[in-house]
Amino acid sequence: MNAGPWLSVPPPGYGGIENVIATLVPELRRLGVRVVLASVGTSTLPVDEQVSVFADGQFAALQRPYNQVCGIAQAHLAGVVRELHSRDDIDLVHDHVEAVGLATLAAMGPAGPPTLHTLHWDLAKHPALYGSLDGGDRVRVNGVSASQLARAPLALREHSVGHVHLSTPLAVDADRRPRPEKGEHLLILGRINPGKGQDVGARLAHRVGLPLVLAGPVGP
């Protein structure tokens, strides 16, 4: 299970992909699947084995210029590839690292293990990669919605096994927690960047005459 170098699993707060992984892994282990997690050293999710290149999450580095950051995901993937080359007990890699995860694992060719890459993001961001993907019979992708895959380039759709419905237990025990006092404002929680819908929230807040609070990391 390749979670990437950005946040621990489960995440300390923000981290949608890491929450998905933290939900999926316990169920896999309950079914008897042995799970090796490739993540950062601060991950606390119970697994059978963990592989780490970075001691802690590198998410904050994403605020720096590209030429200072571009090697982080590659360093993590290099560690994953070294691990895969050194052992023969990995039956499947489930990858969650945007773009470079898919590109690196596909480039391993026949020497690599079967791979499933989950597409958690907007596919329009990487047209050159997705439009020319050749993973042979070894690499497959799955999407997070039917509409996402319907807009995907043909080469990517040809590697698709369909979409899955992702759900995470973010509200577990919410009914048992003390209910906070309701304030006279609206709140949007999530990464603050184009495409997340904060602009829609701002228009609605203006329309109803309430202040809006945005909470979350600011994207590049």
C-alpha atoms as a PDB file:
ATOM      1  CA  MET A   1       0.000   0.000   0.000  1.00  0.00           C
ATOM      2  CA  ASN A   2       1.849   3.086  -1.255  1.00  0.00           C
ATOM      3  CA  ALA A   3       0.586   6.111   0.685  1.00  0.00           C
ATOM      4  CA  GLY A   4       3.381   8.467  -0.350  1.00  0.00           C
ATOM      5  CA  PRO A   5       5.662  10.894   1.509  1.00  0.00           C
ATOM      6  CA  TRP A   6       3.269  13.730   2.347  1.00  0.00           C
ATOM      7  CA  LEU A   7       1.294  12.839   5.491  1.00  0.00           C
ATOM      8  CA  SER A   8       1.218  10.114   8.104  1.00  0.00           C
ATOM      9  CA  VAL A   9      -1.453   7.406   8.073  1.00  0.00           C
ATOM     10  CA  PRO A  10      -3.871   8.110   9.624  1.00  0.00           C
ATOM     11  CA  PRO A  11      -3.318  11.857   9.161  1.00  0.00           C
ATOM     12  CA  PRO A  12      -3.215  14.194  12.168  1.00  0.00           C
ATOM     13  CA  GLY A  13      -5.935  16.357  10.606  1.00  0.00           C
ATOM     14  CA  TYR A  14      -6.147  17.142   6.896  1.00  0.00           C
ATOM     15  CA  GLY A  15      -5.493  14.178   4.602  1.00  0.00           C
ATOM     16  CA  GLY A  16      -8.268  12.711   2.476  1.00  0.00           C
ATOM     17  CA  ILE A  17      -6.177  10.049   0.737  1.00  0.00           C
ATOM     18  CA  GLU A  18      -4.542   9.019   3.994  1.00  0.00           C
ATOM     19  CA  ASN A  19      -7.987   8.666   5.584  1.00  0.00           C
ATOM     20  CA  VAL A  20      -9.043   6.393   2.717  1.00  0.00           C
ATOM     21  CA  ILE A  21      -5.968   4.222   3.273  1.00  0.00           C
ATOM     22  CA  ALA A  22      -6.552   4.162   7.033  1.00  0.00           C
ATOM     23  CA  THR A  23     -10.065   2.838   6.332  1.00  0.00           C
ATOM     24  CA  LEU A  24      -9.043   0.302   3.695  1.00  0.00           C
ATOM     25  CA  VAL A  25      -6.050  -1.335   5.387  1.00  0.00           C
ATOM     26  CA  PRO A  26      -7.797  -2.632   8.541  1.00  0.00           C
ATOM     27  CA  GLU A  27     -10.460  -4.270   6.383  1.00  0.00           C
ATOM     28  CA  LEU A  28      -7.836  -5.904   4.175  1.00  0.00           C
ATOM     29  CA  ARG A  29      -6.038  -7.250   7.250  1.00  0.00           C
ATOM     30  CA  ARG A  30      -9.342  -8.475   8.709  1.00  0.00           C
ATOM     31  CA  LEU A  31      -9.730 -10.524   5.515  1.00  0.00           C
ATOM     32  CA  GLY A  32      -6.281 -12.035   6.033  1.00  0.00           C
ATOM     33  CA  VAL A  33      -4.286  -9.861   3.622  1.00  0.00           C
ATOM     34  CA  ARG A  34      -0.749  -9.080   4.750  1.00  0.00           C
ATOM     35  CA  VAL A  35      -0.138  -5.348   4.242  1.00  0.00           C
ATOM     36  CA  VAL A  36       3.200  -3.575   3.786  1.00  0.00           C
ATOM     37  CA  LEU A  37       2.676   0.178   4.078  1.00  0.00           C
ATOM     38  CA  ALA A  38       4.980   2.610   2.245  1.00  0.00           C
ATOM     39  CA  SER A  39       4.545   5.855   4.154  1.00  0.00           C
ATOM     40  CA  VAL A  40       6.432   8.212   6.456  1.00  0.00           C
ATOM     41  CA  GLY A  41       7.958   7.110   9.731  1.00  0.00           C
ATOM     42  CA  THR A  42       5.344   8.843  11.896  1.00  0.00           C
ATOM     43  CA  SER A  43       2.496   6.689  10.538  1.00  0.00           C
ATOM     44  CA  THR A  44       0.749   4.795  13.334  1.00  0.00           C
ATOM     45  CA  LEU A  45      -1.673   2.618  11.355  1.00  0.00           C
ATOM     46  CA  PRO A  46      -1.271  -1.032  12.427  1.00  0.00           C
ATOM     47  CA  VAL A  47       0.227  -2.951   9.501  1.00  0.00           C
ATOM     48  CA  ASP A  48       2.355  -6.057   9.052  1.00  0.00           C
ATOM     49  CA  GLU A  49       5.376  -4.082   7.870  1.00  0.00           C
ATOM     50  CA  GLN A  50       6.240  -0.475   7.081  1.00  0.00           C
ATOM     51  CA  VAL A  51       8.683   1.036   4.575  1.00  0.00           C
ATOM     52  CA  SER A  52       9.743   4.665   5.023  1.00  0.00           C
ATOM     53  CA  VAL A  53      12.136   6.974   3.205  1.00  0.00           C
ATOM     54  CA  PHE A  54      11.202  10.073   5.223  1.00  0.00           C
ATOM     55  CA  ALA A  55      10.922  10.151   9.002  1.00  0.00           C
ATOM     56  CA  ASP A  56       8.031  12.611   8.932  1.00  0.00           C
ATOM     57  CA  GLY A  57       5.451  13.961   6.483  1.00  0.00           C
ATOM     58  CA  GLN A  58       6.682  16.324   3.785  1.00  0.00           C
ATOM     59  CA  PHE A  59       3.386  18.073   3.080  1.00  0.00           C
ATOM     60  CA  ALA A  60       4.604  21.495   4.240  1.00  0.00           C
ATOM     61  CA  ALA A  61       7.323  21.397   1.566  1.00  0.00           C
ATOM     62  CA  LEU A  62       4.651  21.727  -1.116  1.00  0.00           C
ATOM     63  CA  GLN A  63       4.546  25.453  -0.371  1.00  0.00           C
ATOM     64  CA  ARG A  64       8.121  25.848  -1.637  1.00  0.00           C
ATOM     65  CA  PRO A  65       9.117  26.465  -5.291  1.00  0.00           C
ATOM     66  CA  TYR A  66       8.795  23.444  -7.566  1.00  0.00           C
ATOM     67  CA  ASN A  67      12.541  23.048  -8.100  1.00  0.00           C
ATOM     68  CA  GLN A  68      12.988  22.590  -4.340  1.00  0.00           C
ATOM     69  CA  VAL A  69      10.197  20.046  -4.026  1.00  0.00           C
ATOM     70  CA  CYS A  70      10.202  17.970  -7.206  1.00  0.00           C
ATOM     71  CA  GLY A  71      12.547  15.309  -5.805  1.00  0.00           C
ATOM     72  CA  ILE A  72      10.486  14.413  -2.716  1.00  0.00           C
ATOM     73  CA  ALA A  73       7.943  12.105  -4.316  1.00  0.00           C
ATOM     74  CA  GLN A  74      10.652  10.666  -6.569  1.00  0.00           C
ATOM     75  CA  ALA A  75      12.839   9.852  -3.548  1.00  0.00           C
ATOM     76  CA  HIS A  76       9.919   8.073  -1.925  1.00  0.00           C
ATOM     77  CA  LEU A  77       9.166   6.126  -5.112  1.00  0.00           C
ATOM     78  CA  ALA A  78      12.833   5.212  -5.497  1.00  0.00           C
ATOM     79  CA  GLY A  79      12.650   3.668  -2.029  1.00  0.00           C
ATOM     80  CA  VAL A  80       9.515   1.764  -3.002  1.00  0.00           C
ATOM     81  CA  VAL A  81      11.166   0.434  -6.169  1.00  0.00           C
ATOM     82  CA  ARG A  82      14.288  -0.634  -4.228  1.00  0.00           C
ATOM     83  CA  GLU A  83      12.052  -2.517  -1.822  1.00  0.00           C
ATOM     84  CA  LEU A  84      10.164  -4.220  -4.659  1.00  0.00           C
ATOM     85  CA  HIS A  85      13.417  -5.258  -6.360  1.00  0.00           C
ATOM     86  CA  SER A  86      14.765  -6.760  -3.121  1.00  0.00           C
ATOM     87  CA  ARG A  87      11.858  -9.079  -2.348  1.00  0.00           C
ATOM     88  CA  ASP A  88       9.485 -11.501  -4.061  1.00  0.00           C
ATOM     89  CA  ASP A  89       6.597 -11.610  -1.580  1.00  0.00           C
ATOM     90  CA  ILE A  90       4.588  -8.609  -2.846  1.00  0.00           C
ATOM     91  CA  ASP A  91       1.586  -9.825  -4.830  1.00  0.00           C
ATOM     92  CA  LEU A  92       0.068  -6.415  -5.573  1.00  0.00           C
ATOM     93  CA  VAL A  93       0.991  -2.760  -5.192  1.00  0.00           C
ATOM     94  CA  HIS A  94      -1.923  -0.422  -4.480  1.00  0.00           C
ATOM     95  CA  ASP A  95      -0.588   3.030  -5.307  1.00  0.00           C
ATOM     96  CA  HIS A  96      -2.064   6.383  -4.205  1.00  0.00           C
ATOM     97  CA  VAL A  97       0.703   8.821  -5.242  1.00  0.00           C
ATOM     98  CA  GLU A  98      -0.369  11.339  -7.850  1.00  0.00           C
ATOM     99  CA  ALA A  99       1.248  11.062 -11.304  1.00  0.00           C
ATOM    100  CA  VAL A 100       4.762   9.960 -10.284  1.00  0.00           C
ATOM    101  CA  GLY A 101       3.479   6.813  -8.583  1.00  0.00           C
ATOM    102  CA  LEU A 102       1.747   5.623 -11.725  1.00  0.00           C
ATOM    103  CA  ALA A 103       4.598   6.698 -14.015  1.00  0.00           C
ATOM    104  CA  THR A 104       7.297   5.007 -11.916  1.00  0.00           C
ATOM    105  CA  LEU A 105       5.465   1.739 -11.366  1.00  0.00           C
ATOM    106  CA  ALA A 106       4.461   1.515 -15.037  1.00  0.00           C
ATOM    107  CA  ALA A 107       8.088   2.154 -16.050  1.00  0.00           C
ATOM    108  CA  MET A 108       9.208  -0.918 -14.078  1.00  0.00           C
ATOM    109  CA  GLY A 109       7.916  -3.011 -16.977  1.00  0.00           C
ATOM    110  CA  PRO A 110       7.504  -6.769 -16.664  1.00  0.00           C
ATOM    111  CA  ALA A 111       9.895  -6.840 -13.698  1.00  0.00           C
ATOM    112  CA  GLY A 112       7.359  -5.031 -11.526  1.00  0.00           C
ATOM    113  CA  PRO A 113       4.505  -6.604  -9.585  1.00  0.00           C
ATOM    114  CA  PRO A 114       0.860  -6.147 -10.569  1.00  0.00           C
ATOM    115  CA  THR A 115      -0.213  -2.607  -9.716  1.00  0.00           C
ATOM    116  CA  LEU A 116      -3.495  -0.847  -9.024  1.00  0.00           C
ATOM    117  CA  HIS A 117      -3.298   2.954  -9.057  1.00  0.00           C
ATOM    118  CA  THR A 118      -6.226   4.881  -7.572  1.00  0.00           C
ATOM    119  CA  LEU A 119      -6.958   8.203  -9.287  1.00  0.00           C
ATOM    120  CA  HIS A 120      -7.943  10.522  -6.435  1.00  0.00           C
ATOM    121  CA  TRP A 121      -7.666  13.800  -8.396  1.00  0.00           C
ATOM    122  CA  ASP A 122      -8.591  15.862 -11.429  1.00  0.00           C
ATOM    123  CA  LEU A 123      -7.360  13.922 -14.455  1.00  0.00           C
ATOM    124  CA  ALA A 124      -7.059  17.076 -16.564  1.00  0.00           C
ATOM    125  CA  LYS A 125      -3.883  18.002 -14.692  1.00  0.00           C
ATOM    126  CA  HIS A 126      -1.651  15.399 -16.386  1.00  0.00           C
ATOM    127  CA  PRO A 127      -2.801  14.954 -20.011  1.00  0.00           C
ATOM    128  CA  ALA A 128       0.622  13.996 -21.390  1.00  0.00           C
ATOM    129  CA  LEU A 129       1.020  11.189 -18.827  1.00  0.00           C
ATOM    130  CA  TYR A 130      -2.522   9.849 -18.962  1.00  0.00           C
ATOM    131  CA  GLY A 131      -2.812  10.212 -22.718  1.00  0.00           C
ATOM    132  CA  SER A 132       0.207   7.994 -23.384  1.00  0.00           C
ATOM    133  CA  LEU A 133       0.046   5.506 -20.499  1.00  0.00           C
ATOM    134  CA  ASP A 134       1.253   2.005 -21.344  1.00  0.00           C
ATOM    135  CA  GLY A 135       1.154  -0.296 -18.338  1.00  0.00           C
ATOM    136  CA  GLY A 136       0.719  -3.427 -20.411  1.00  0.00           C
ATOM    137  CA  ASP A 137      -1.322  -6.129 -18.702  1.00  0.00           C
ATOM    138  CA  ARG A 138       0.345  -5.405 -15.332  1.00  0.00           C
ATOM    139  CA  VAL A 139      -0.885  -1.914 -14.381  1.00  0.00           C
ATOM    140  CA  ARG A 140      -4.524  -1.013 -13.828  1.00  0.00           C
ATOM    141  CA  VAL A 141      -6.210   2.135 -12.553  1.00  0.00           C
ATOM    142  CA  ASN A 142      -9.461   2.779 -10.727  1.00  0.00           C
ATOM    143  CA  GLY A 143     -11.289   6.058 -10.368  1.00  0.00           C
ATOM    144  CA  VAL A 144     -13.312   7.684  -7.626  1.00  0.00           C
ATOM    145  CA  SER A 145     -16.386   8.294  -9.794  1.00  0.00           C
ATOM    146  CA  ALA A 146     -17.879   7.258 -13.103  1.00  0.00           C
ATOM    147  CA  SER A 147     -17.855  10.862 -14.364  1.00  0.00           C
ATOM    148  CA  GLN A 148     -14.139  11.182 -13.574  1.00  0.00           C
ATOM    149  CA  LEU A 149     -13.303   8.165 -15.741  1.00  0.00           C
ATOM    150  CA  ALA A 150     -15.716   9.212 -18.481  1.00  0.00           C
ATOM    151  CA  ARG A 151     -13.569  12.327 -19.028  1.00  0.00           C
ATOM    152  CA  ALA A 152     -10.297  10.399 -18.942  1.00  0.00           C
ATOM    153  CA  PRO A 153      -8.048  10.009 -22.006  1.00  0.00           C
ATOM    154  CA  LEU A 154      -8.556   6.810 -23.971  1.00  0.00           C
ATOM    155  CA  ALA A 155      -5.185   5.342 -22.922  1.00  0.00           C
ATOM    156  CA  LEU A 156      -6.142   5.697 -19.267  1.00  0.00           C
ATOM    157  CA  ARG A 157      -9.631   4.280 -19.747  1.00  0.00           C
ATOM    158  CA  GLU A 158      -8.106   1.242 -21.422  1.00  0.00           C
ATOM    159  CA  HIS A 159      -6.261   0.507 -18.156  1.00  0.00           C
ATOM    160  CA  SER A 160      -9.325   1.091 -15.987  1.00  0.00           C
ATOM    161  CA  VAL A 161     -11.106  -1.466 -13.827  1.00  0.00           C
ATOM    162  CA  GLY A 162     -13.885   1.017 -13.107  1.00  0.00           C
ATOM    163  CA  HIS A 163     -14.611   3.273 -10.169  1.00  0.00           C
ATOM    164  CA  VAL A 164     -15.131   2.659  -6.482  1.00  0.00           C
ATOM    165  CA  HIS A 165     -17.278   4.427  -3.935  1.00  0.00           C
ATOM    166  CA  LEU A 166     -14.903   5.799  -1.309  1.00  0.00           C
ATOM    167  CA  SER A 167     -16.125   6.420   2.204  1.00  0.00           C
ATOM    168  CA  THR A 168     -14.178   7.198   5.340  1.00  0.00           C
ATOM    169  CA  PRO A 169     -15.370   7.078   8.965  1.00  0.00           C
ATOM    170  CA  LEU A 170     -14.738  10.767   9.631  1.00  0.00           C
ATOM    171  CA  ALA A 171     -17.952  11.021  11.656  1.00  0.00           C
ATOM    172  CA  VAL A 172     -17.432   7.905  13.795  1.00  0.00           C
ATOM    173  CA  ASP A 173     -18.636   8.643  17.352  1.00  0.00           C
ATOM    174  CA  ALA A 174     -19.627  12.180  16.319  1.00  0.00           C
ATOM    175  CA  ASP A 175     -22.927  11.723  18.138  1.00  0.00           C
ATOM    176  CA  ARG A 176     -21.038  11.059  21.370  1.00  0.00           C
ATOM    177  CA  ARG A 177     -18.862  14.158  21.231  1.00  0.00           C
ATOM    178  CA  PRO A 178     -19.845  17.374  23.016  1.00  0.00           C
ATOM    179  CA  ARG A 179     -21.725  19.580  20.595  1.00  0.00           C
ATOM    180  CA  PRO A 180     -19.978  22.956  20.231  1.00  0.00           C
ATOM    181  CA  GLU A 181     -21.923  26.163  20.455  1.00  0.00           C
ATOM    182  CA  LYS A 182     -23.066  27.246  17.035  1.00  0.00           C
ATOM    183  CA  GLY A 183     -21.488  30.481  15.827  1.00  0.00           C
ATOM    184  CA  GLU A 184     -22.926  33.105  13.524  1.00  0.00           C
ATOM    185  CA  HIS A 185     -20.737  32.125  10.589  1.00  0.00           C
ATOM    186  CA  LEU A 186     -20.309  29.530   7.856  1.00  0.00           C
ATOM    187  CA  LEU A 187     -17.366  27.124   7.644  1.00  0.00           C
ATOM    188  CA  ILE A 188     -15.644  25.329   4.780  1.00  0.00           C
ATOM    189  CA  LEU A 189     -13.095  22.696   5.780  1.00  0.00           C
ATOM    190  CA  GLY A 190     -10.645  21.411   3.163  1.00  0.00           C
ATOM    191  CA  ARG A 191      -7.566  22.290   1.172  1.00  0.00           C
ATOM    192  CA  ILE A 192      -7.856  25.850  -0.095  1.00  0.00           C
ATOM    193  CA  ASN A 193      -7.124  25.806  -3.819  1.00  0.00           C
ATOM    194  CA  PRO A 194      -8.960  26.109  -7.158  1.00  0.00           C
ATOM    195  CA  GLY A 195     -11.469  23.343  -7.738  1.00  0.00           C
ATOM    196  CA  LYS A 196     -12.433  22.761  -4.105  1.00  0.00           C
ATOM    197  CA  GLY A 197     -15.437  25.092  -4.294  1.00  0.00           C
ATOM    198  CA  GLN A 198     -14.531  27.821  -1.829  1.00  0.00           C
ATOM    199  CA  ASP A 199     -15.587  30.372  -4.451  1.00  0.00           C
ATOM    200  CA  VAL A 200     -19.095  28.893  -4.421  1.00  0.00           C
ATOM    201  CA  GLY A 201     -19.112  29.045  -0.618  1.00  0.00           C
ATOM    202  CA  ALA A 202     -18.049  32.695  -0.681  1.00  0.00           C
ATOM    203  CA  ARG A 203     -20.892  33.632  -3.045  1.00  0.00           C
ATOM    204  CA  LEU A 204     -23.410  31.807  -0.838  1.00  0.00           C
ATOM    205  CA  ALA A 205     -22.055  33.492   2.301  1.00  0.00           C
ATOM    206  CA  HIS A 206     -22.451  36.905   0.687  1.00  0.00           C
ATOM    207  CA  ARG A 207     -25.979  36.017  -0.406  1.00  0.00           C
ATOM    208  CA  VAL A 208     -27.125  35.048   3.112  1.00  0.00           C
ATOM    209  CA  GLY A 209     -25.106  37.791   4.808  1.00  0.00           C
ATOM    210  CA  LEU A 210     -22.907  35.621   7.035  1.00  0.00           C
ATOM    211  CA  PRO A 211     -19.121  35.700   7.469  1.00  0.00           C
ATOM    212  CA  LEU A 212     -17.257  32.726   6.010  1.00  0.00           C
ATOM    213  CA  VAL A 213     -14.350  30.902   7.678  1.00  0.00           C
ATOM    214  CA  LEU A 214     -12.009  28.859   5.451  1.00  0.00           C
ATOM    215  CA  ALA A 215     -10.076  26.186   7.369  1.00  0.00           C
ATOM    216  CA  GLY A 216      -7.380  24.042   5.806  1.00  0.00           C
ATOM    217  CA  PRO A 217      -3.942  24.096   4.204  1.00  0.00           C
ATOM    218  CA  VAL A 218      -3.479  26.561   1.357  1.00  0.00           C
ATOM    219  CA  GLY A 219      -2.642  24.826  -1.903  1.00  0.00           C
ATOM    220  CA  PRO A 220       0.116  25.993  -4.246  1.00  0.00           C
END
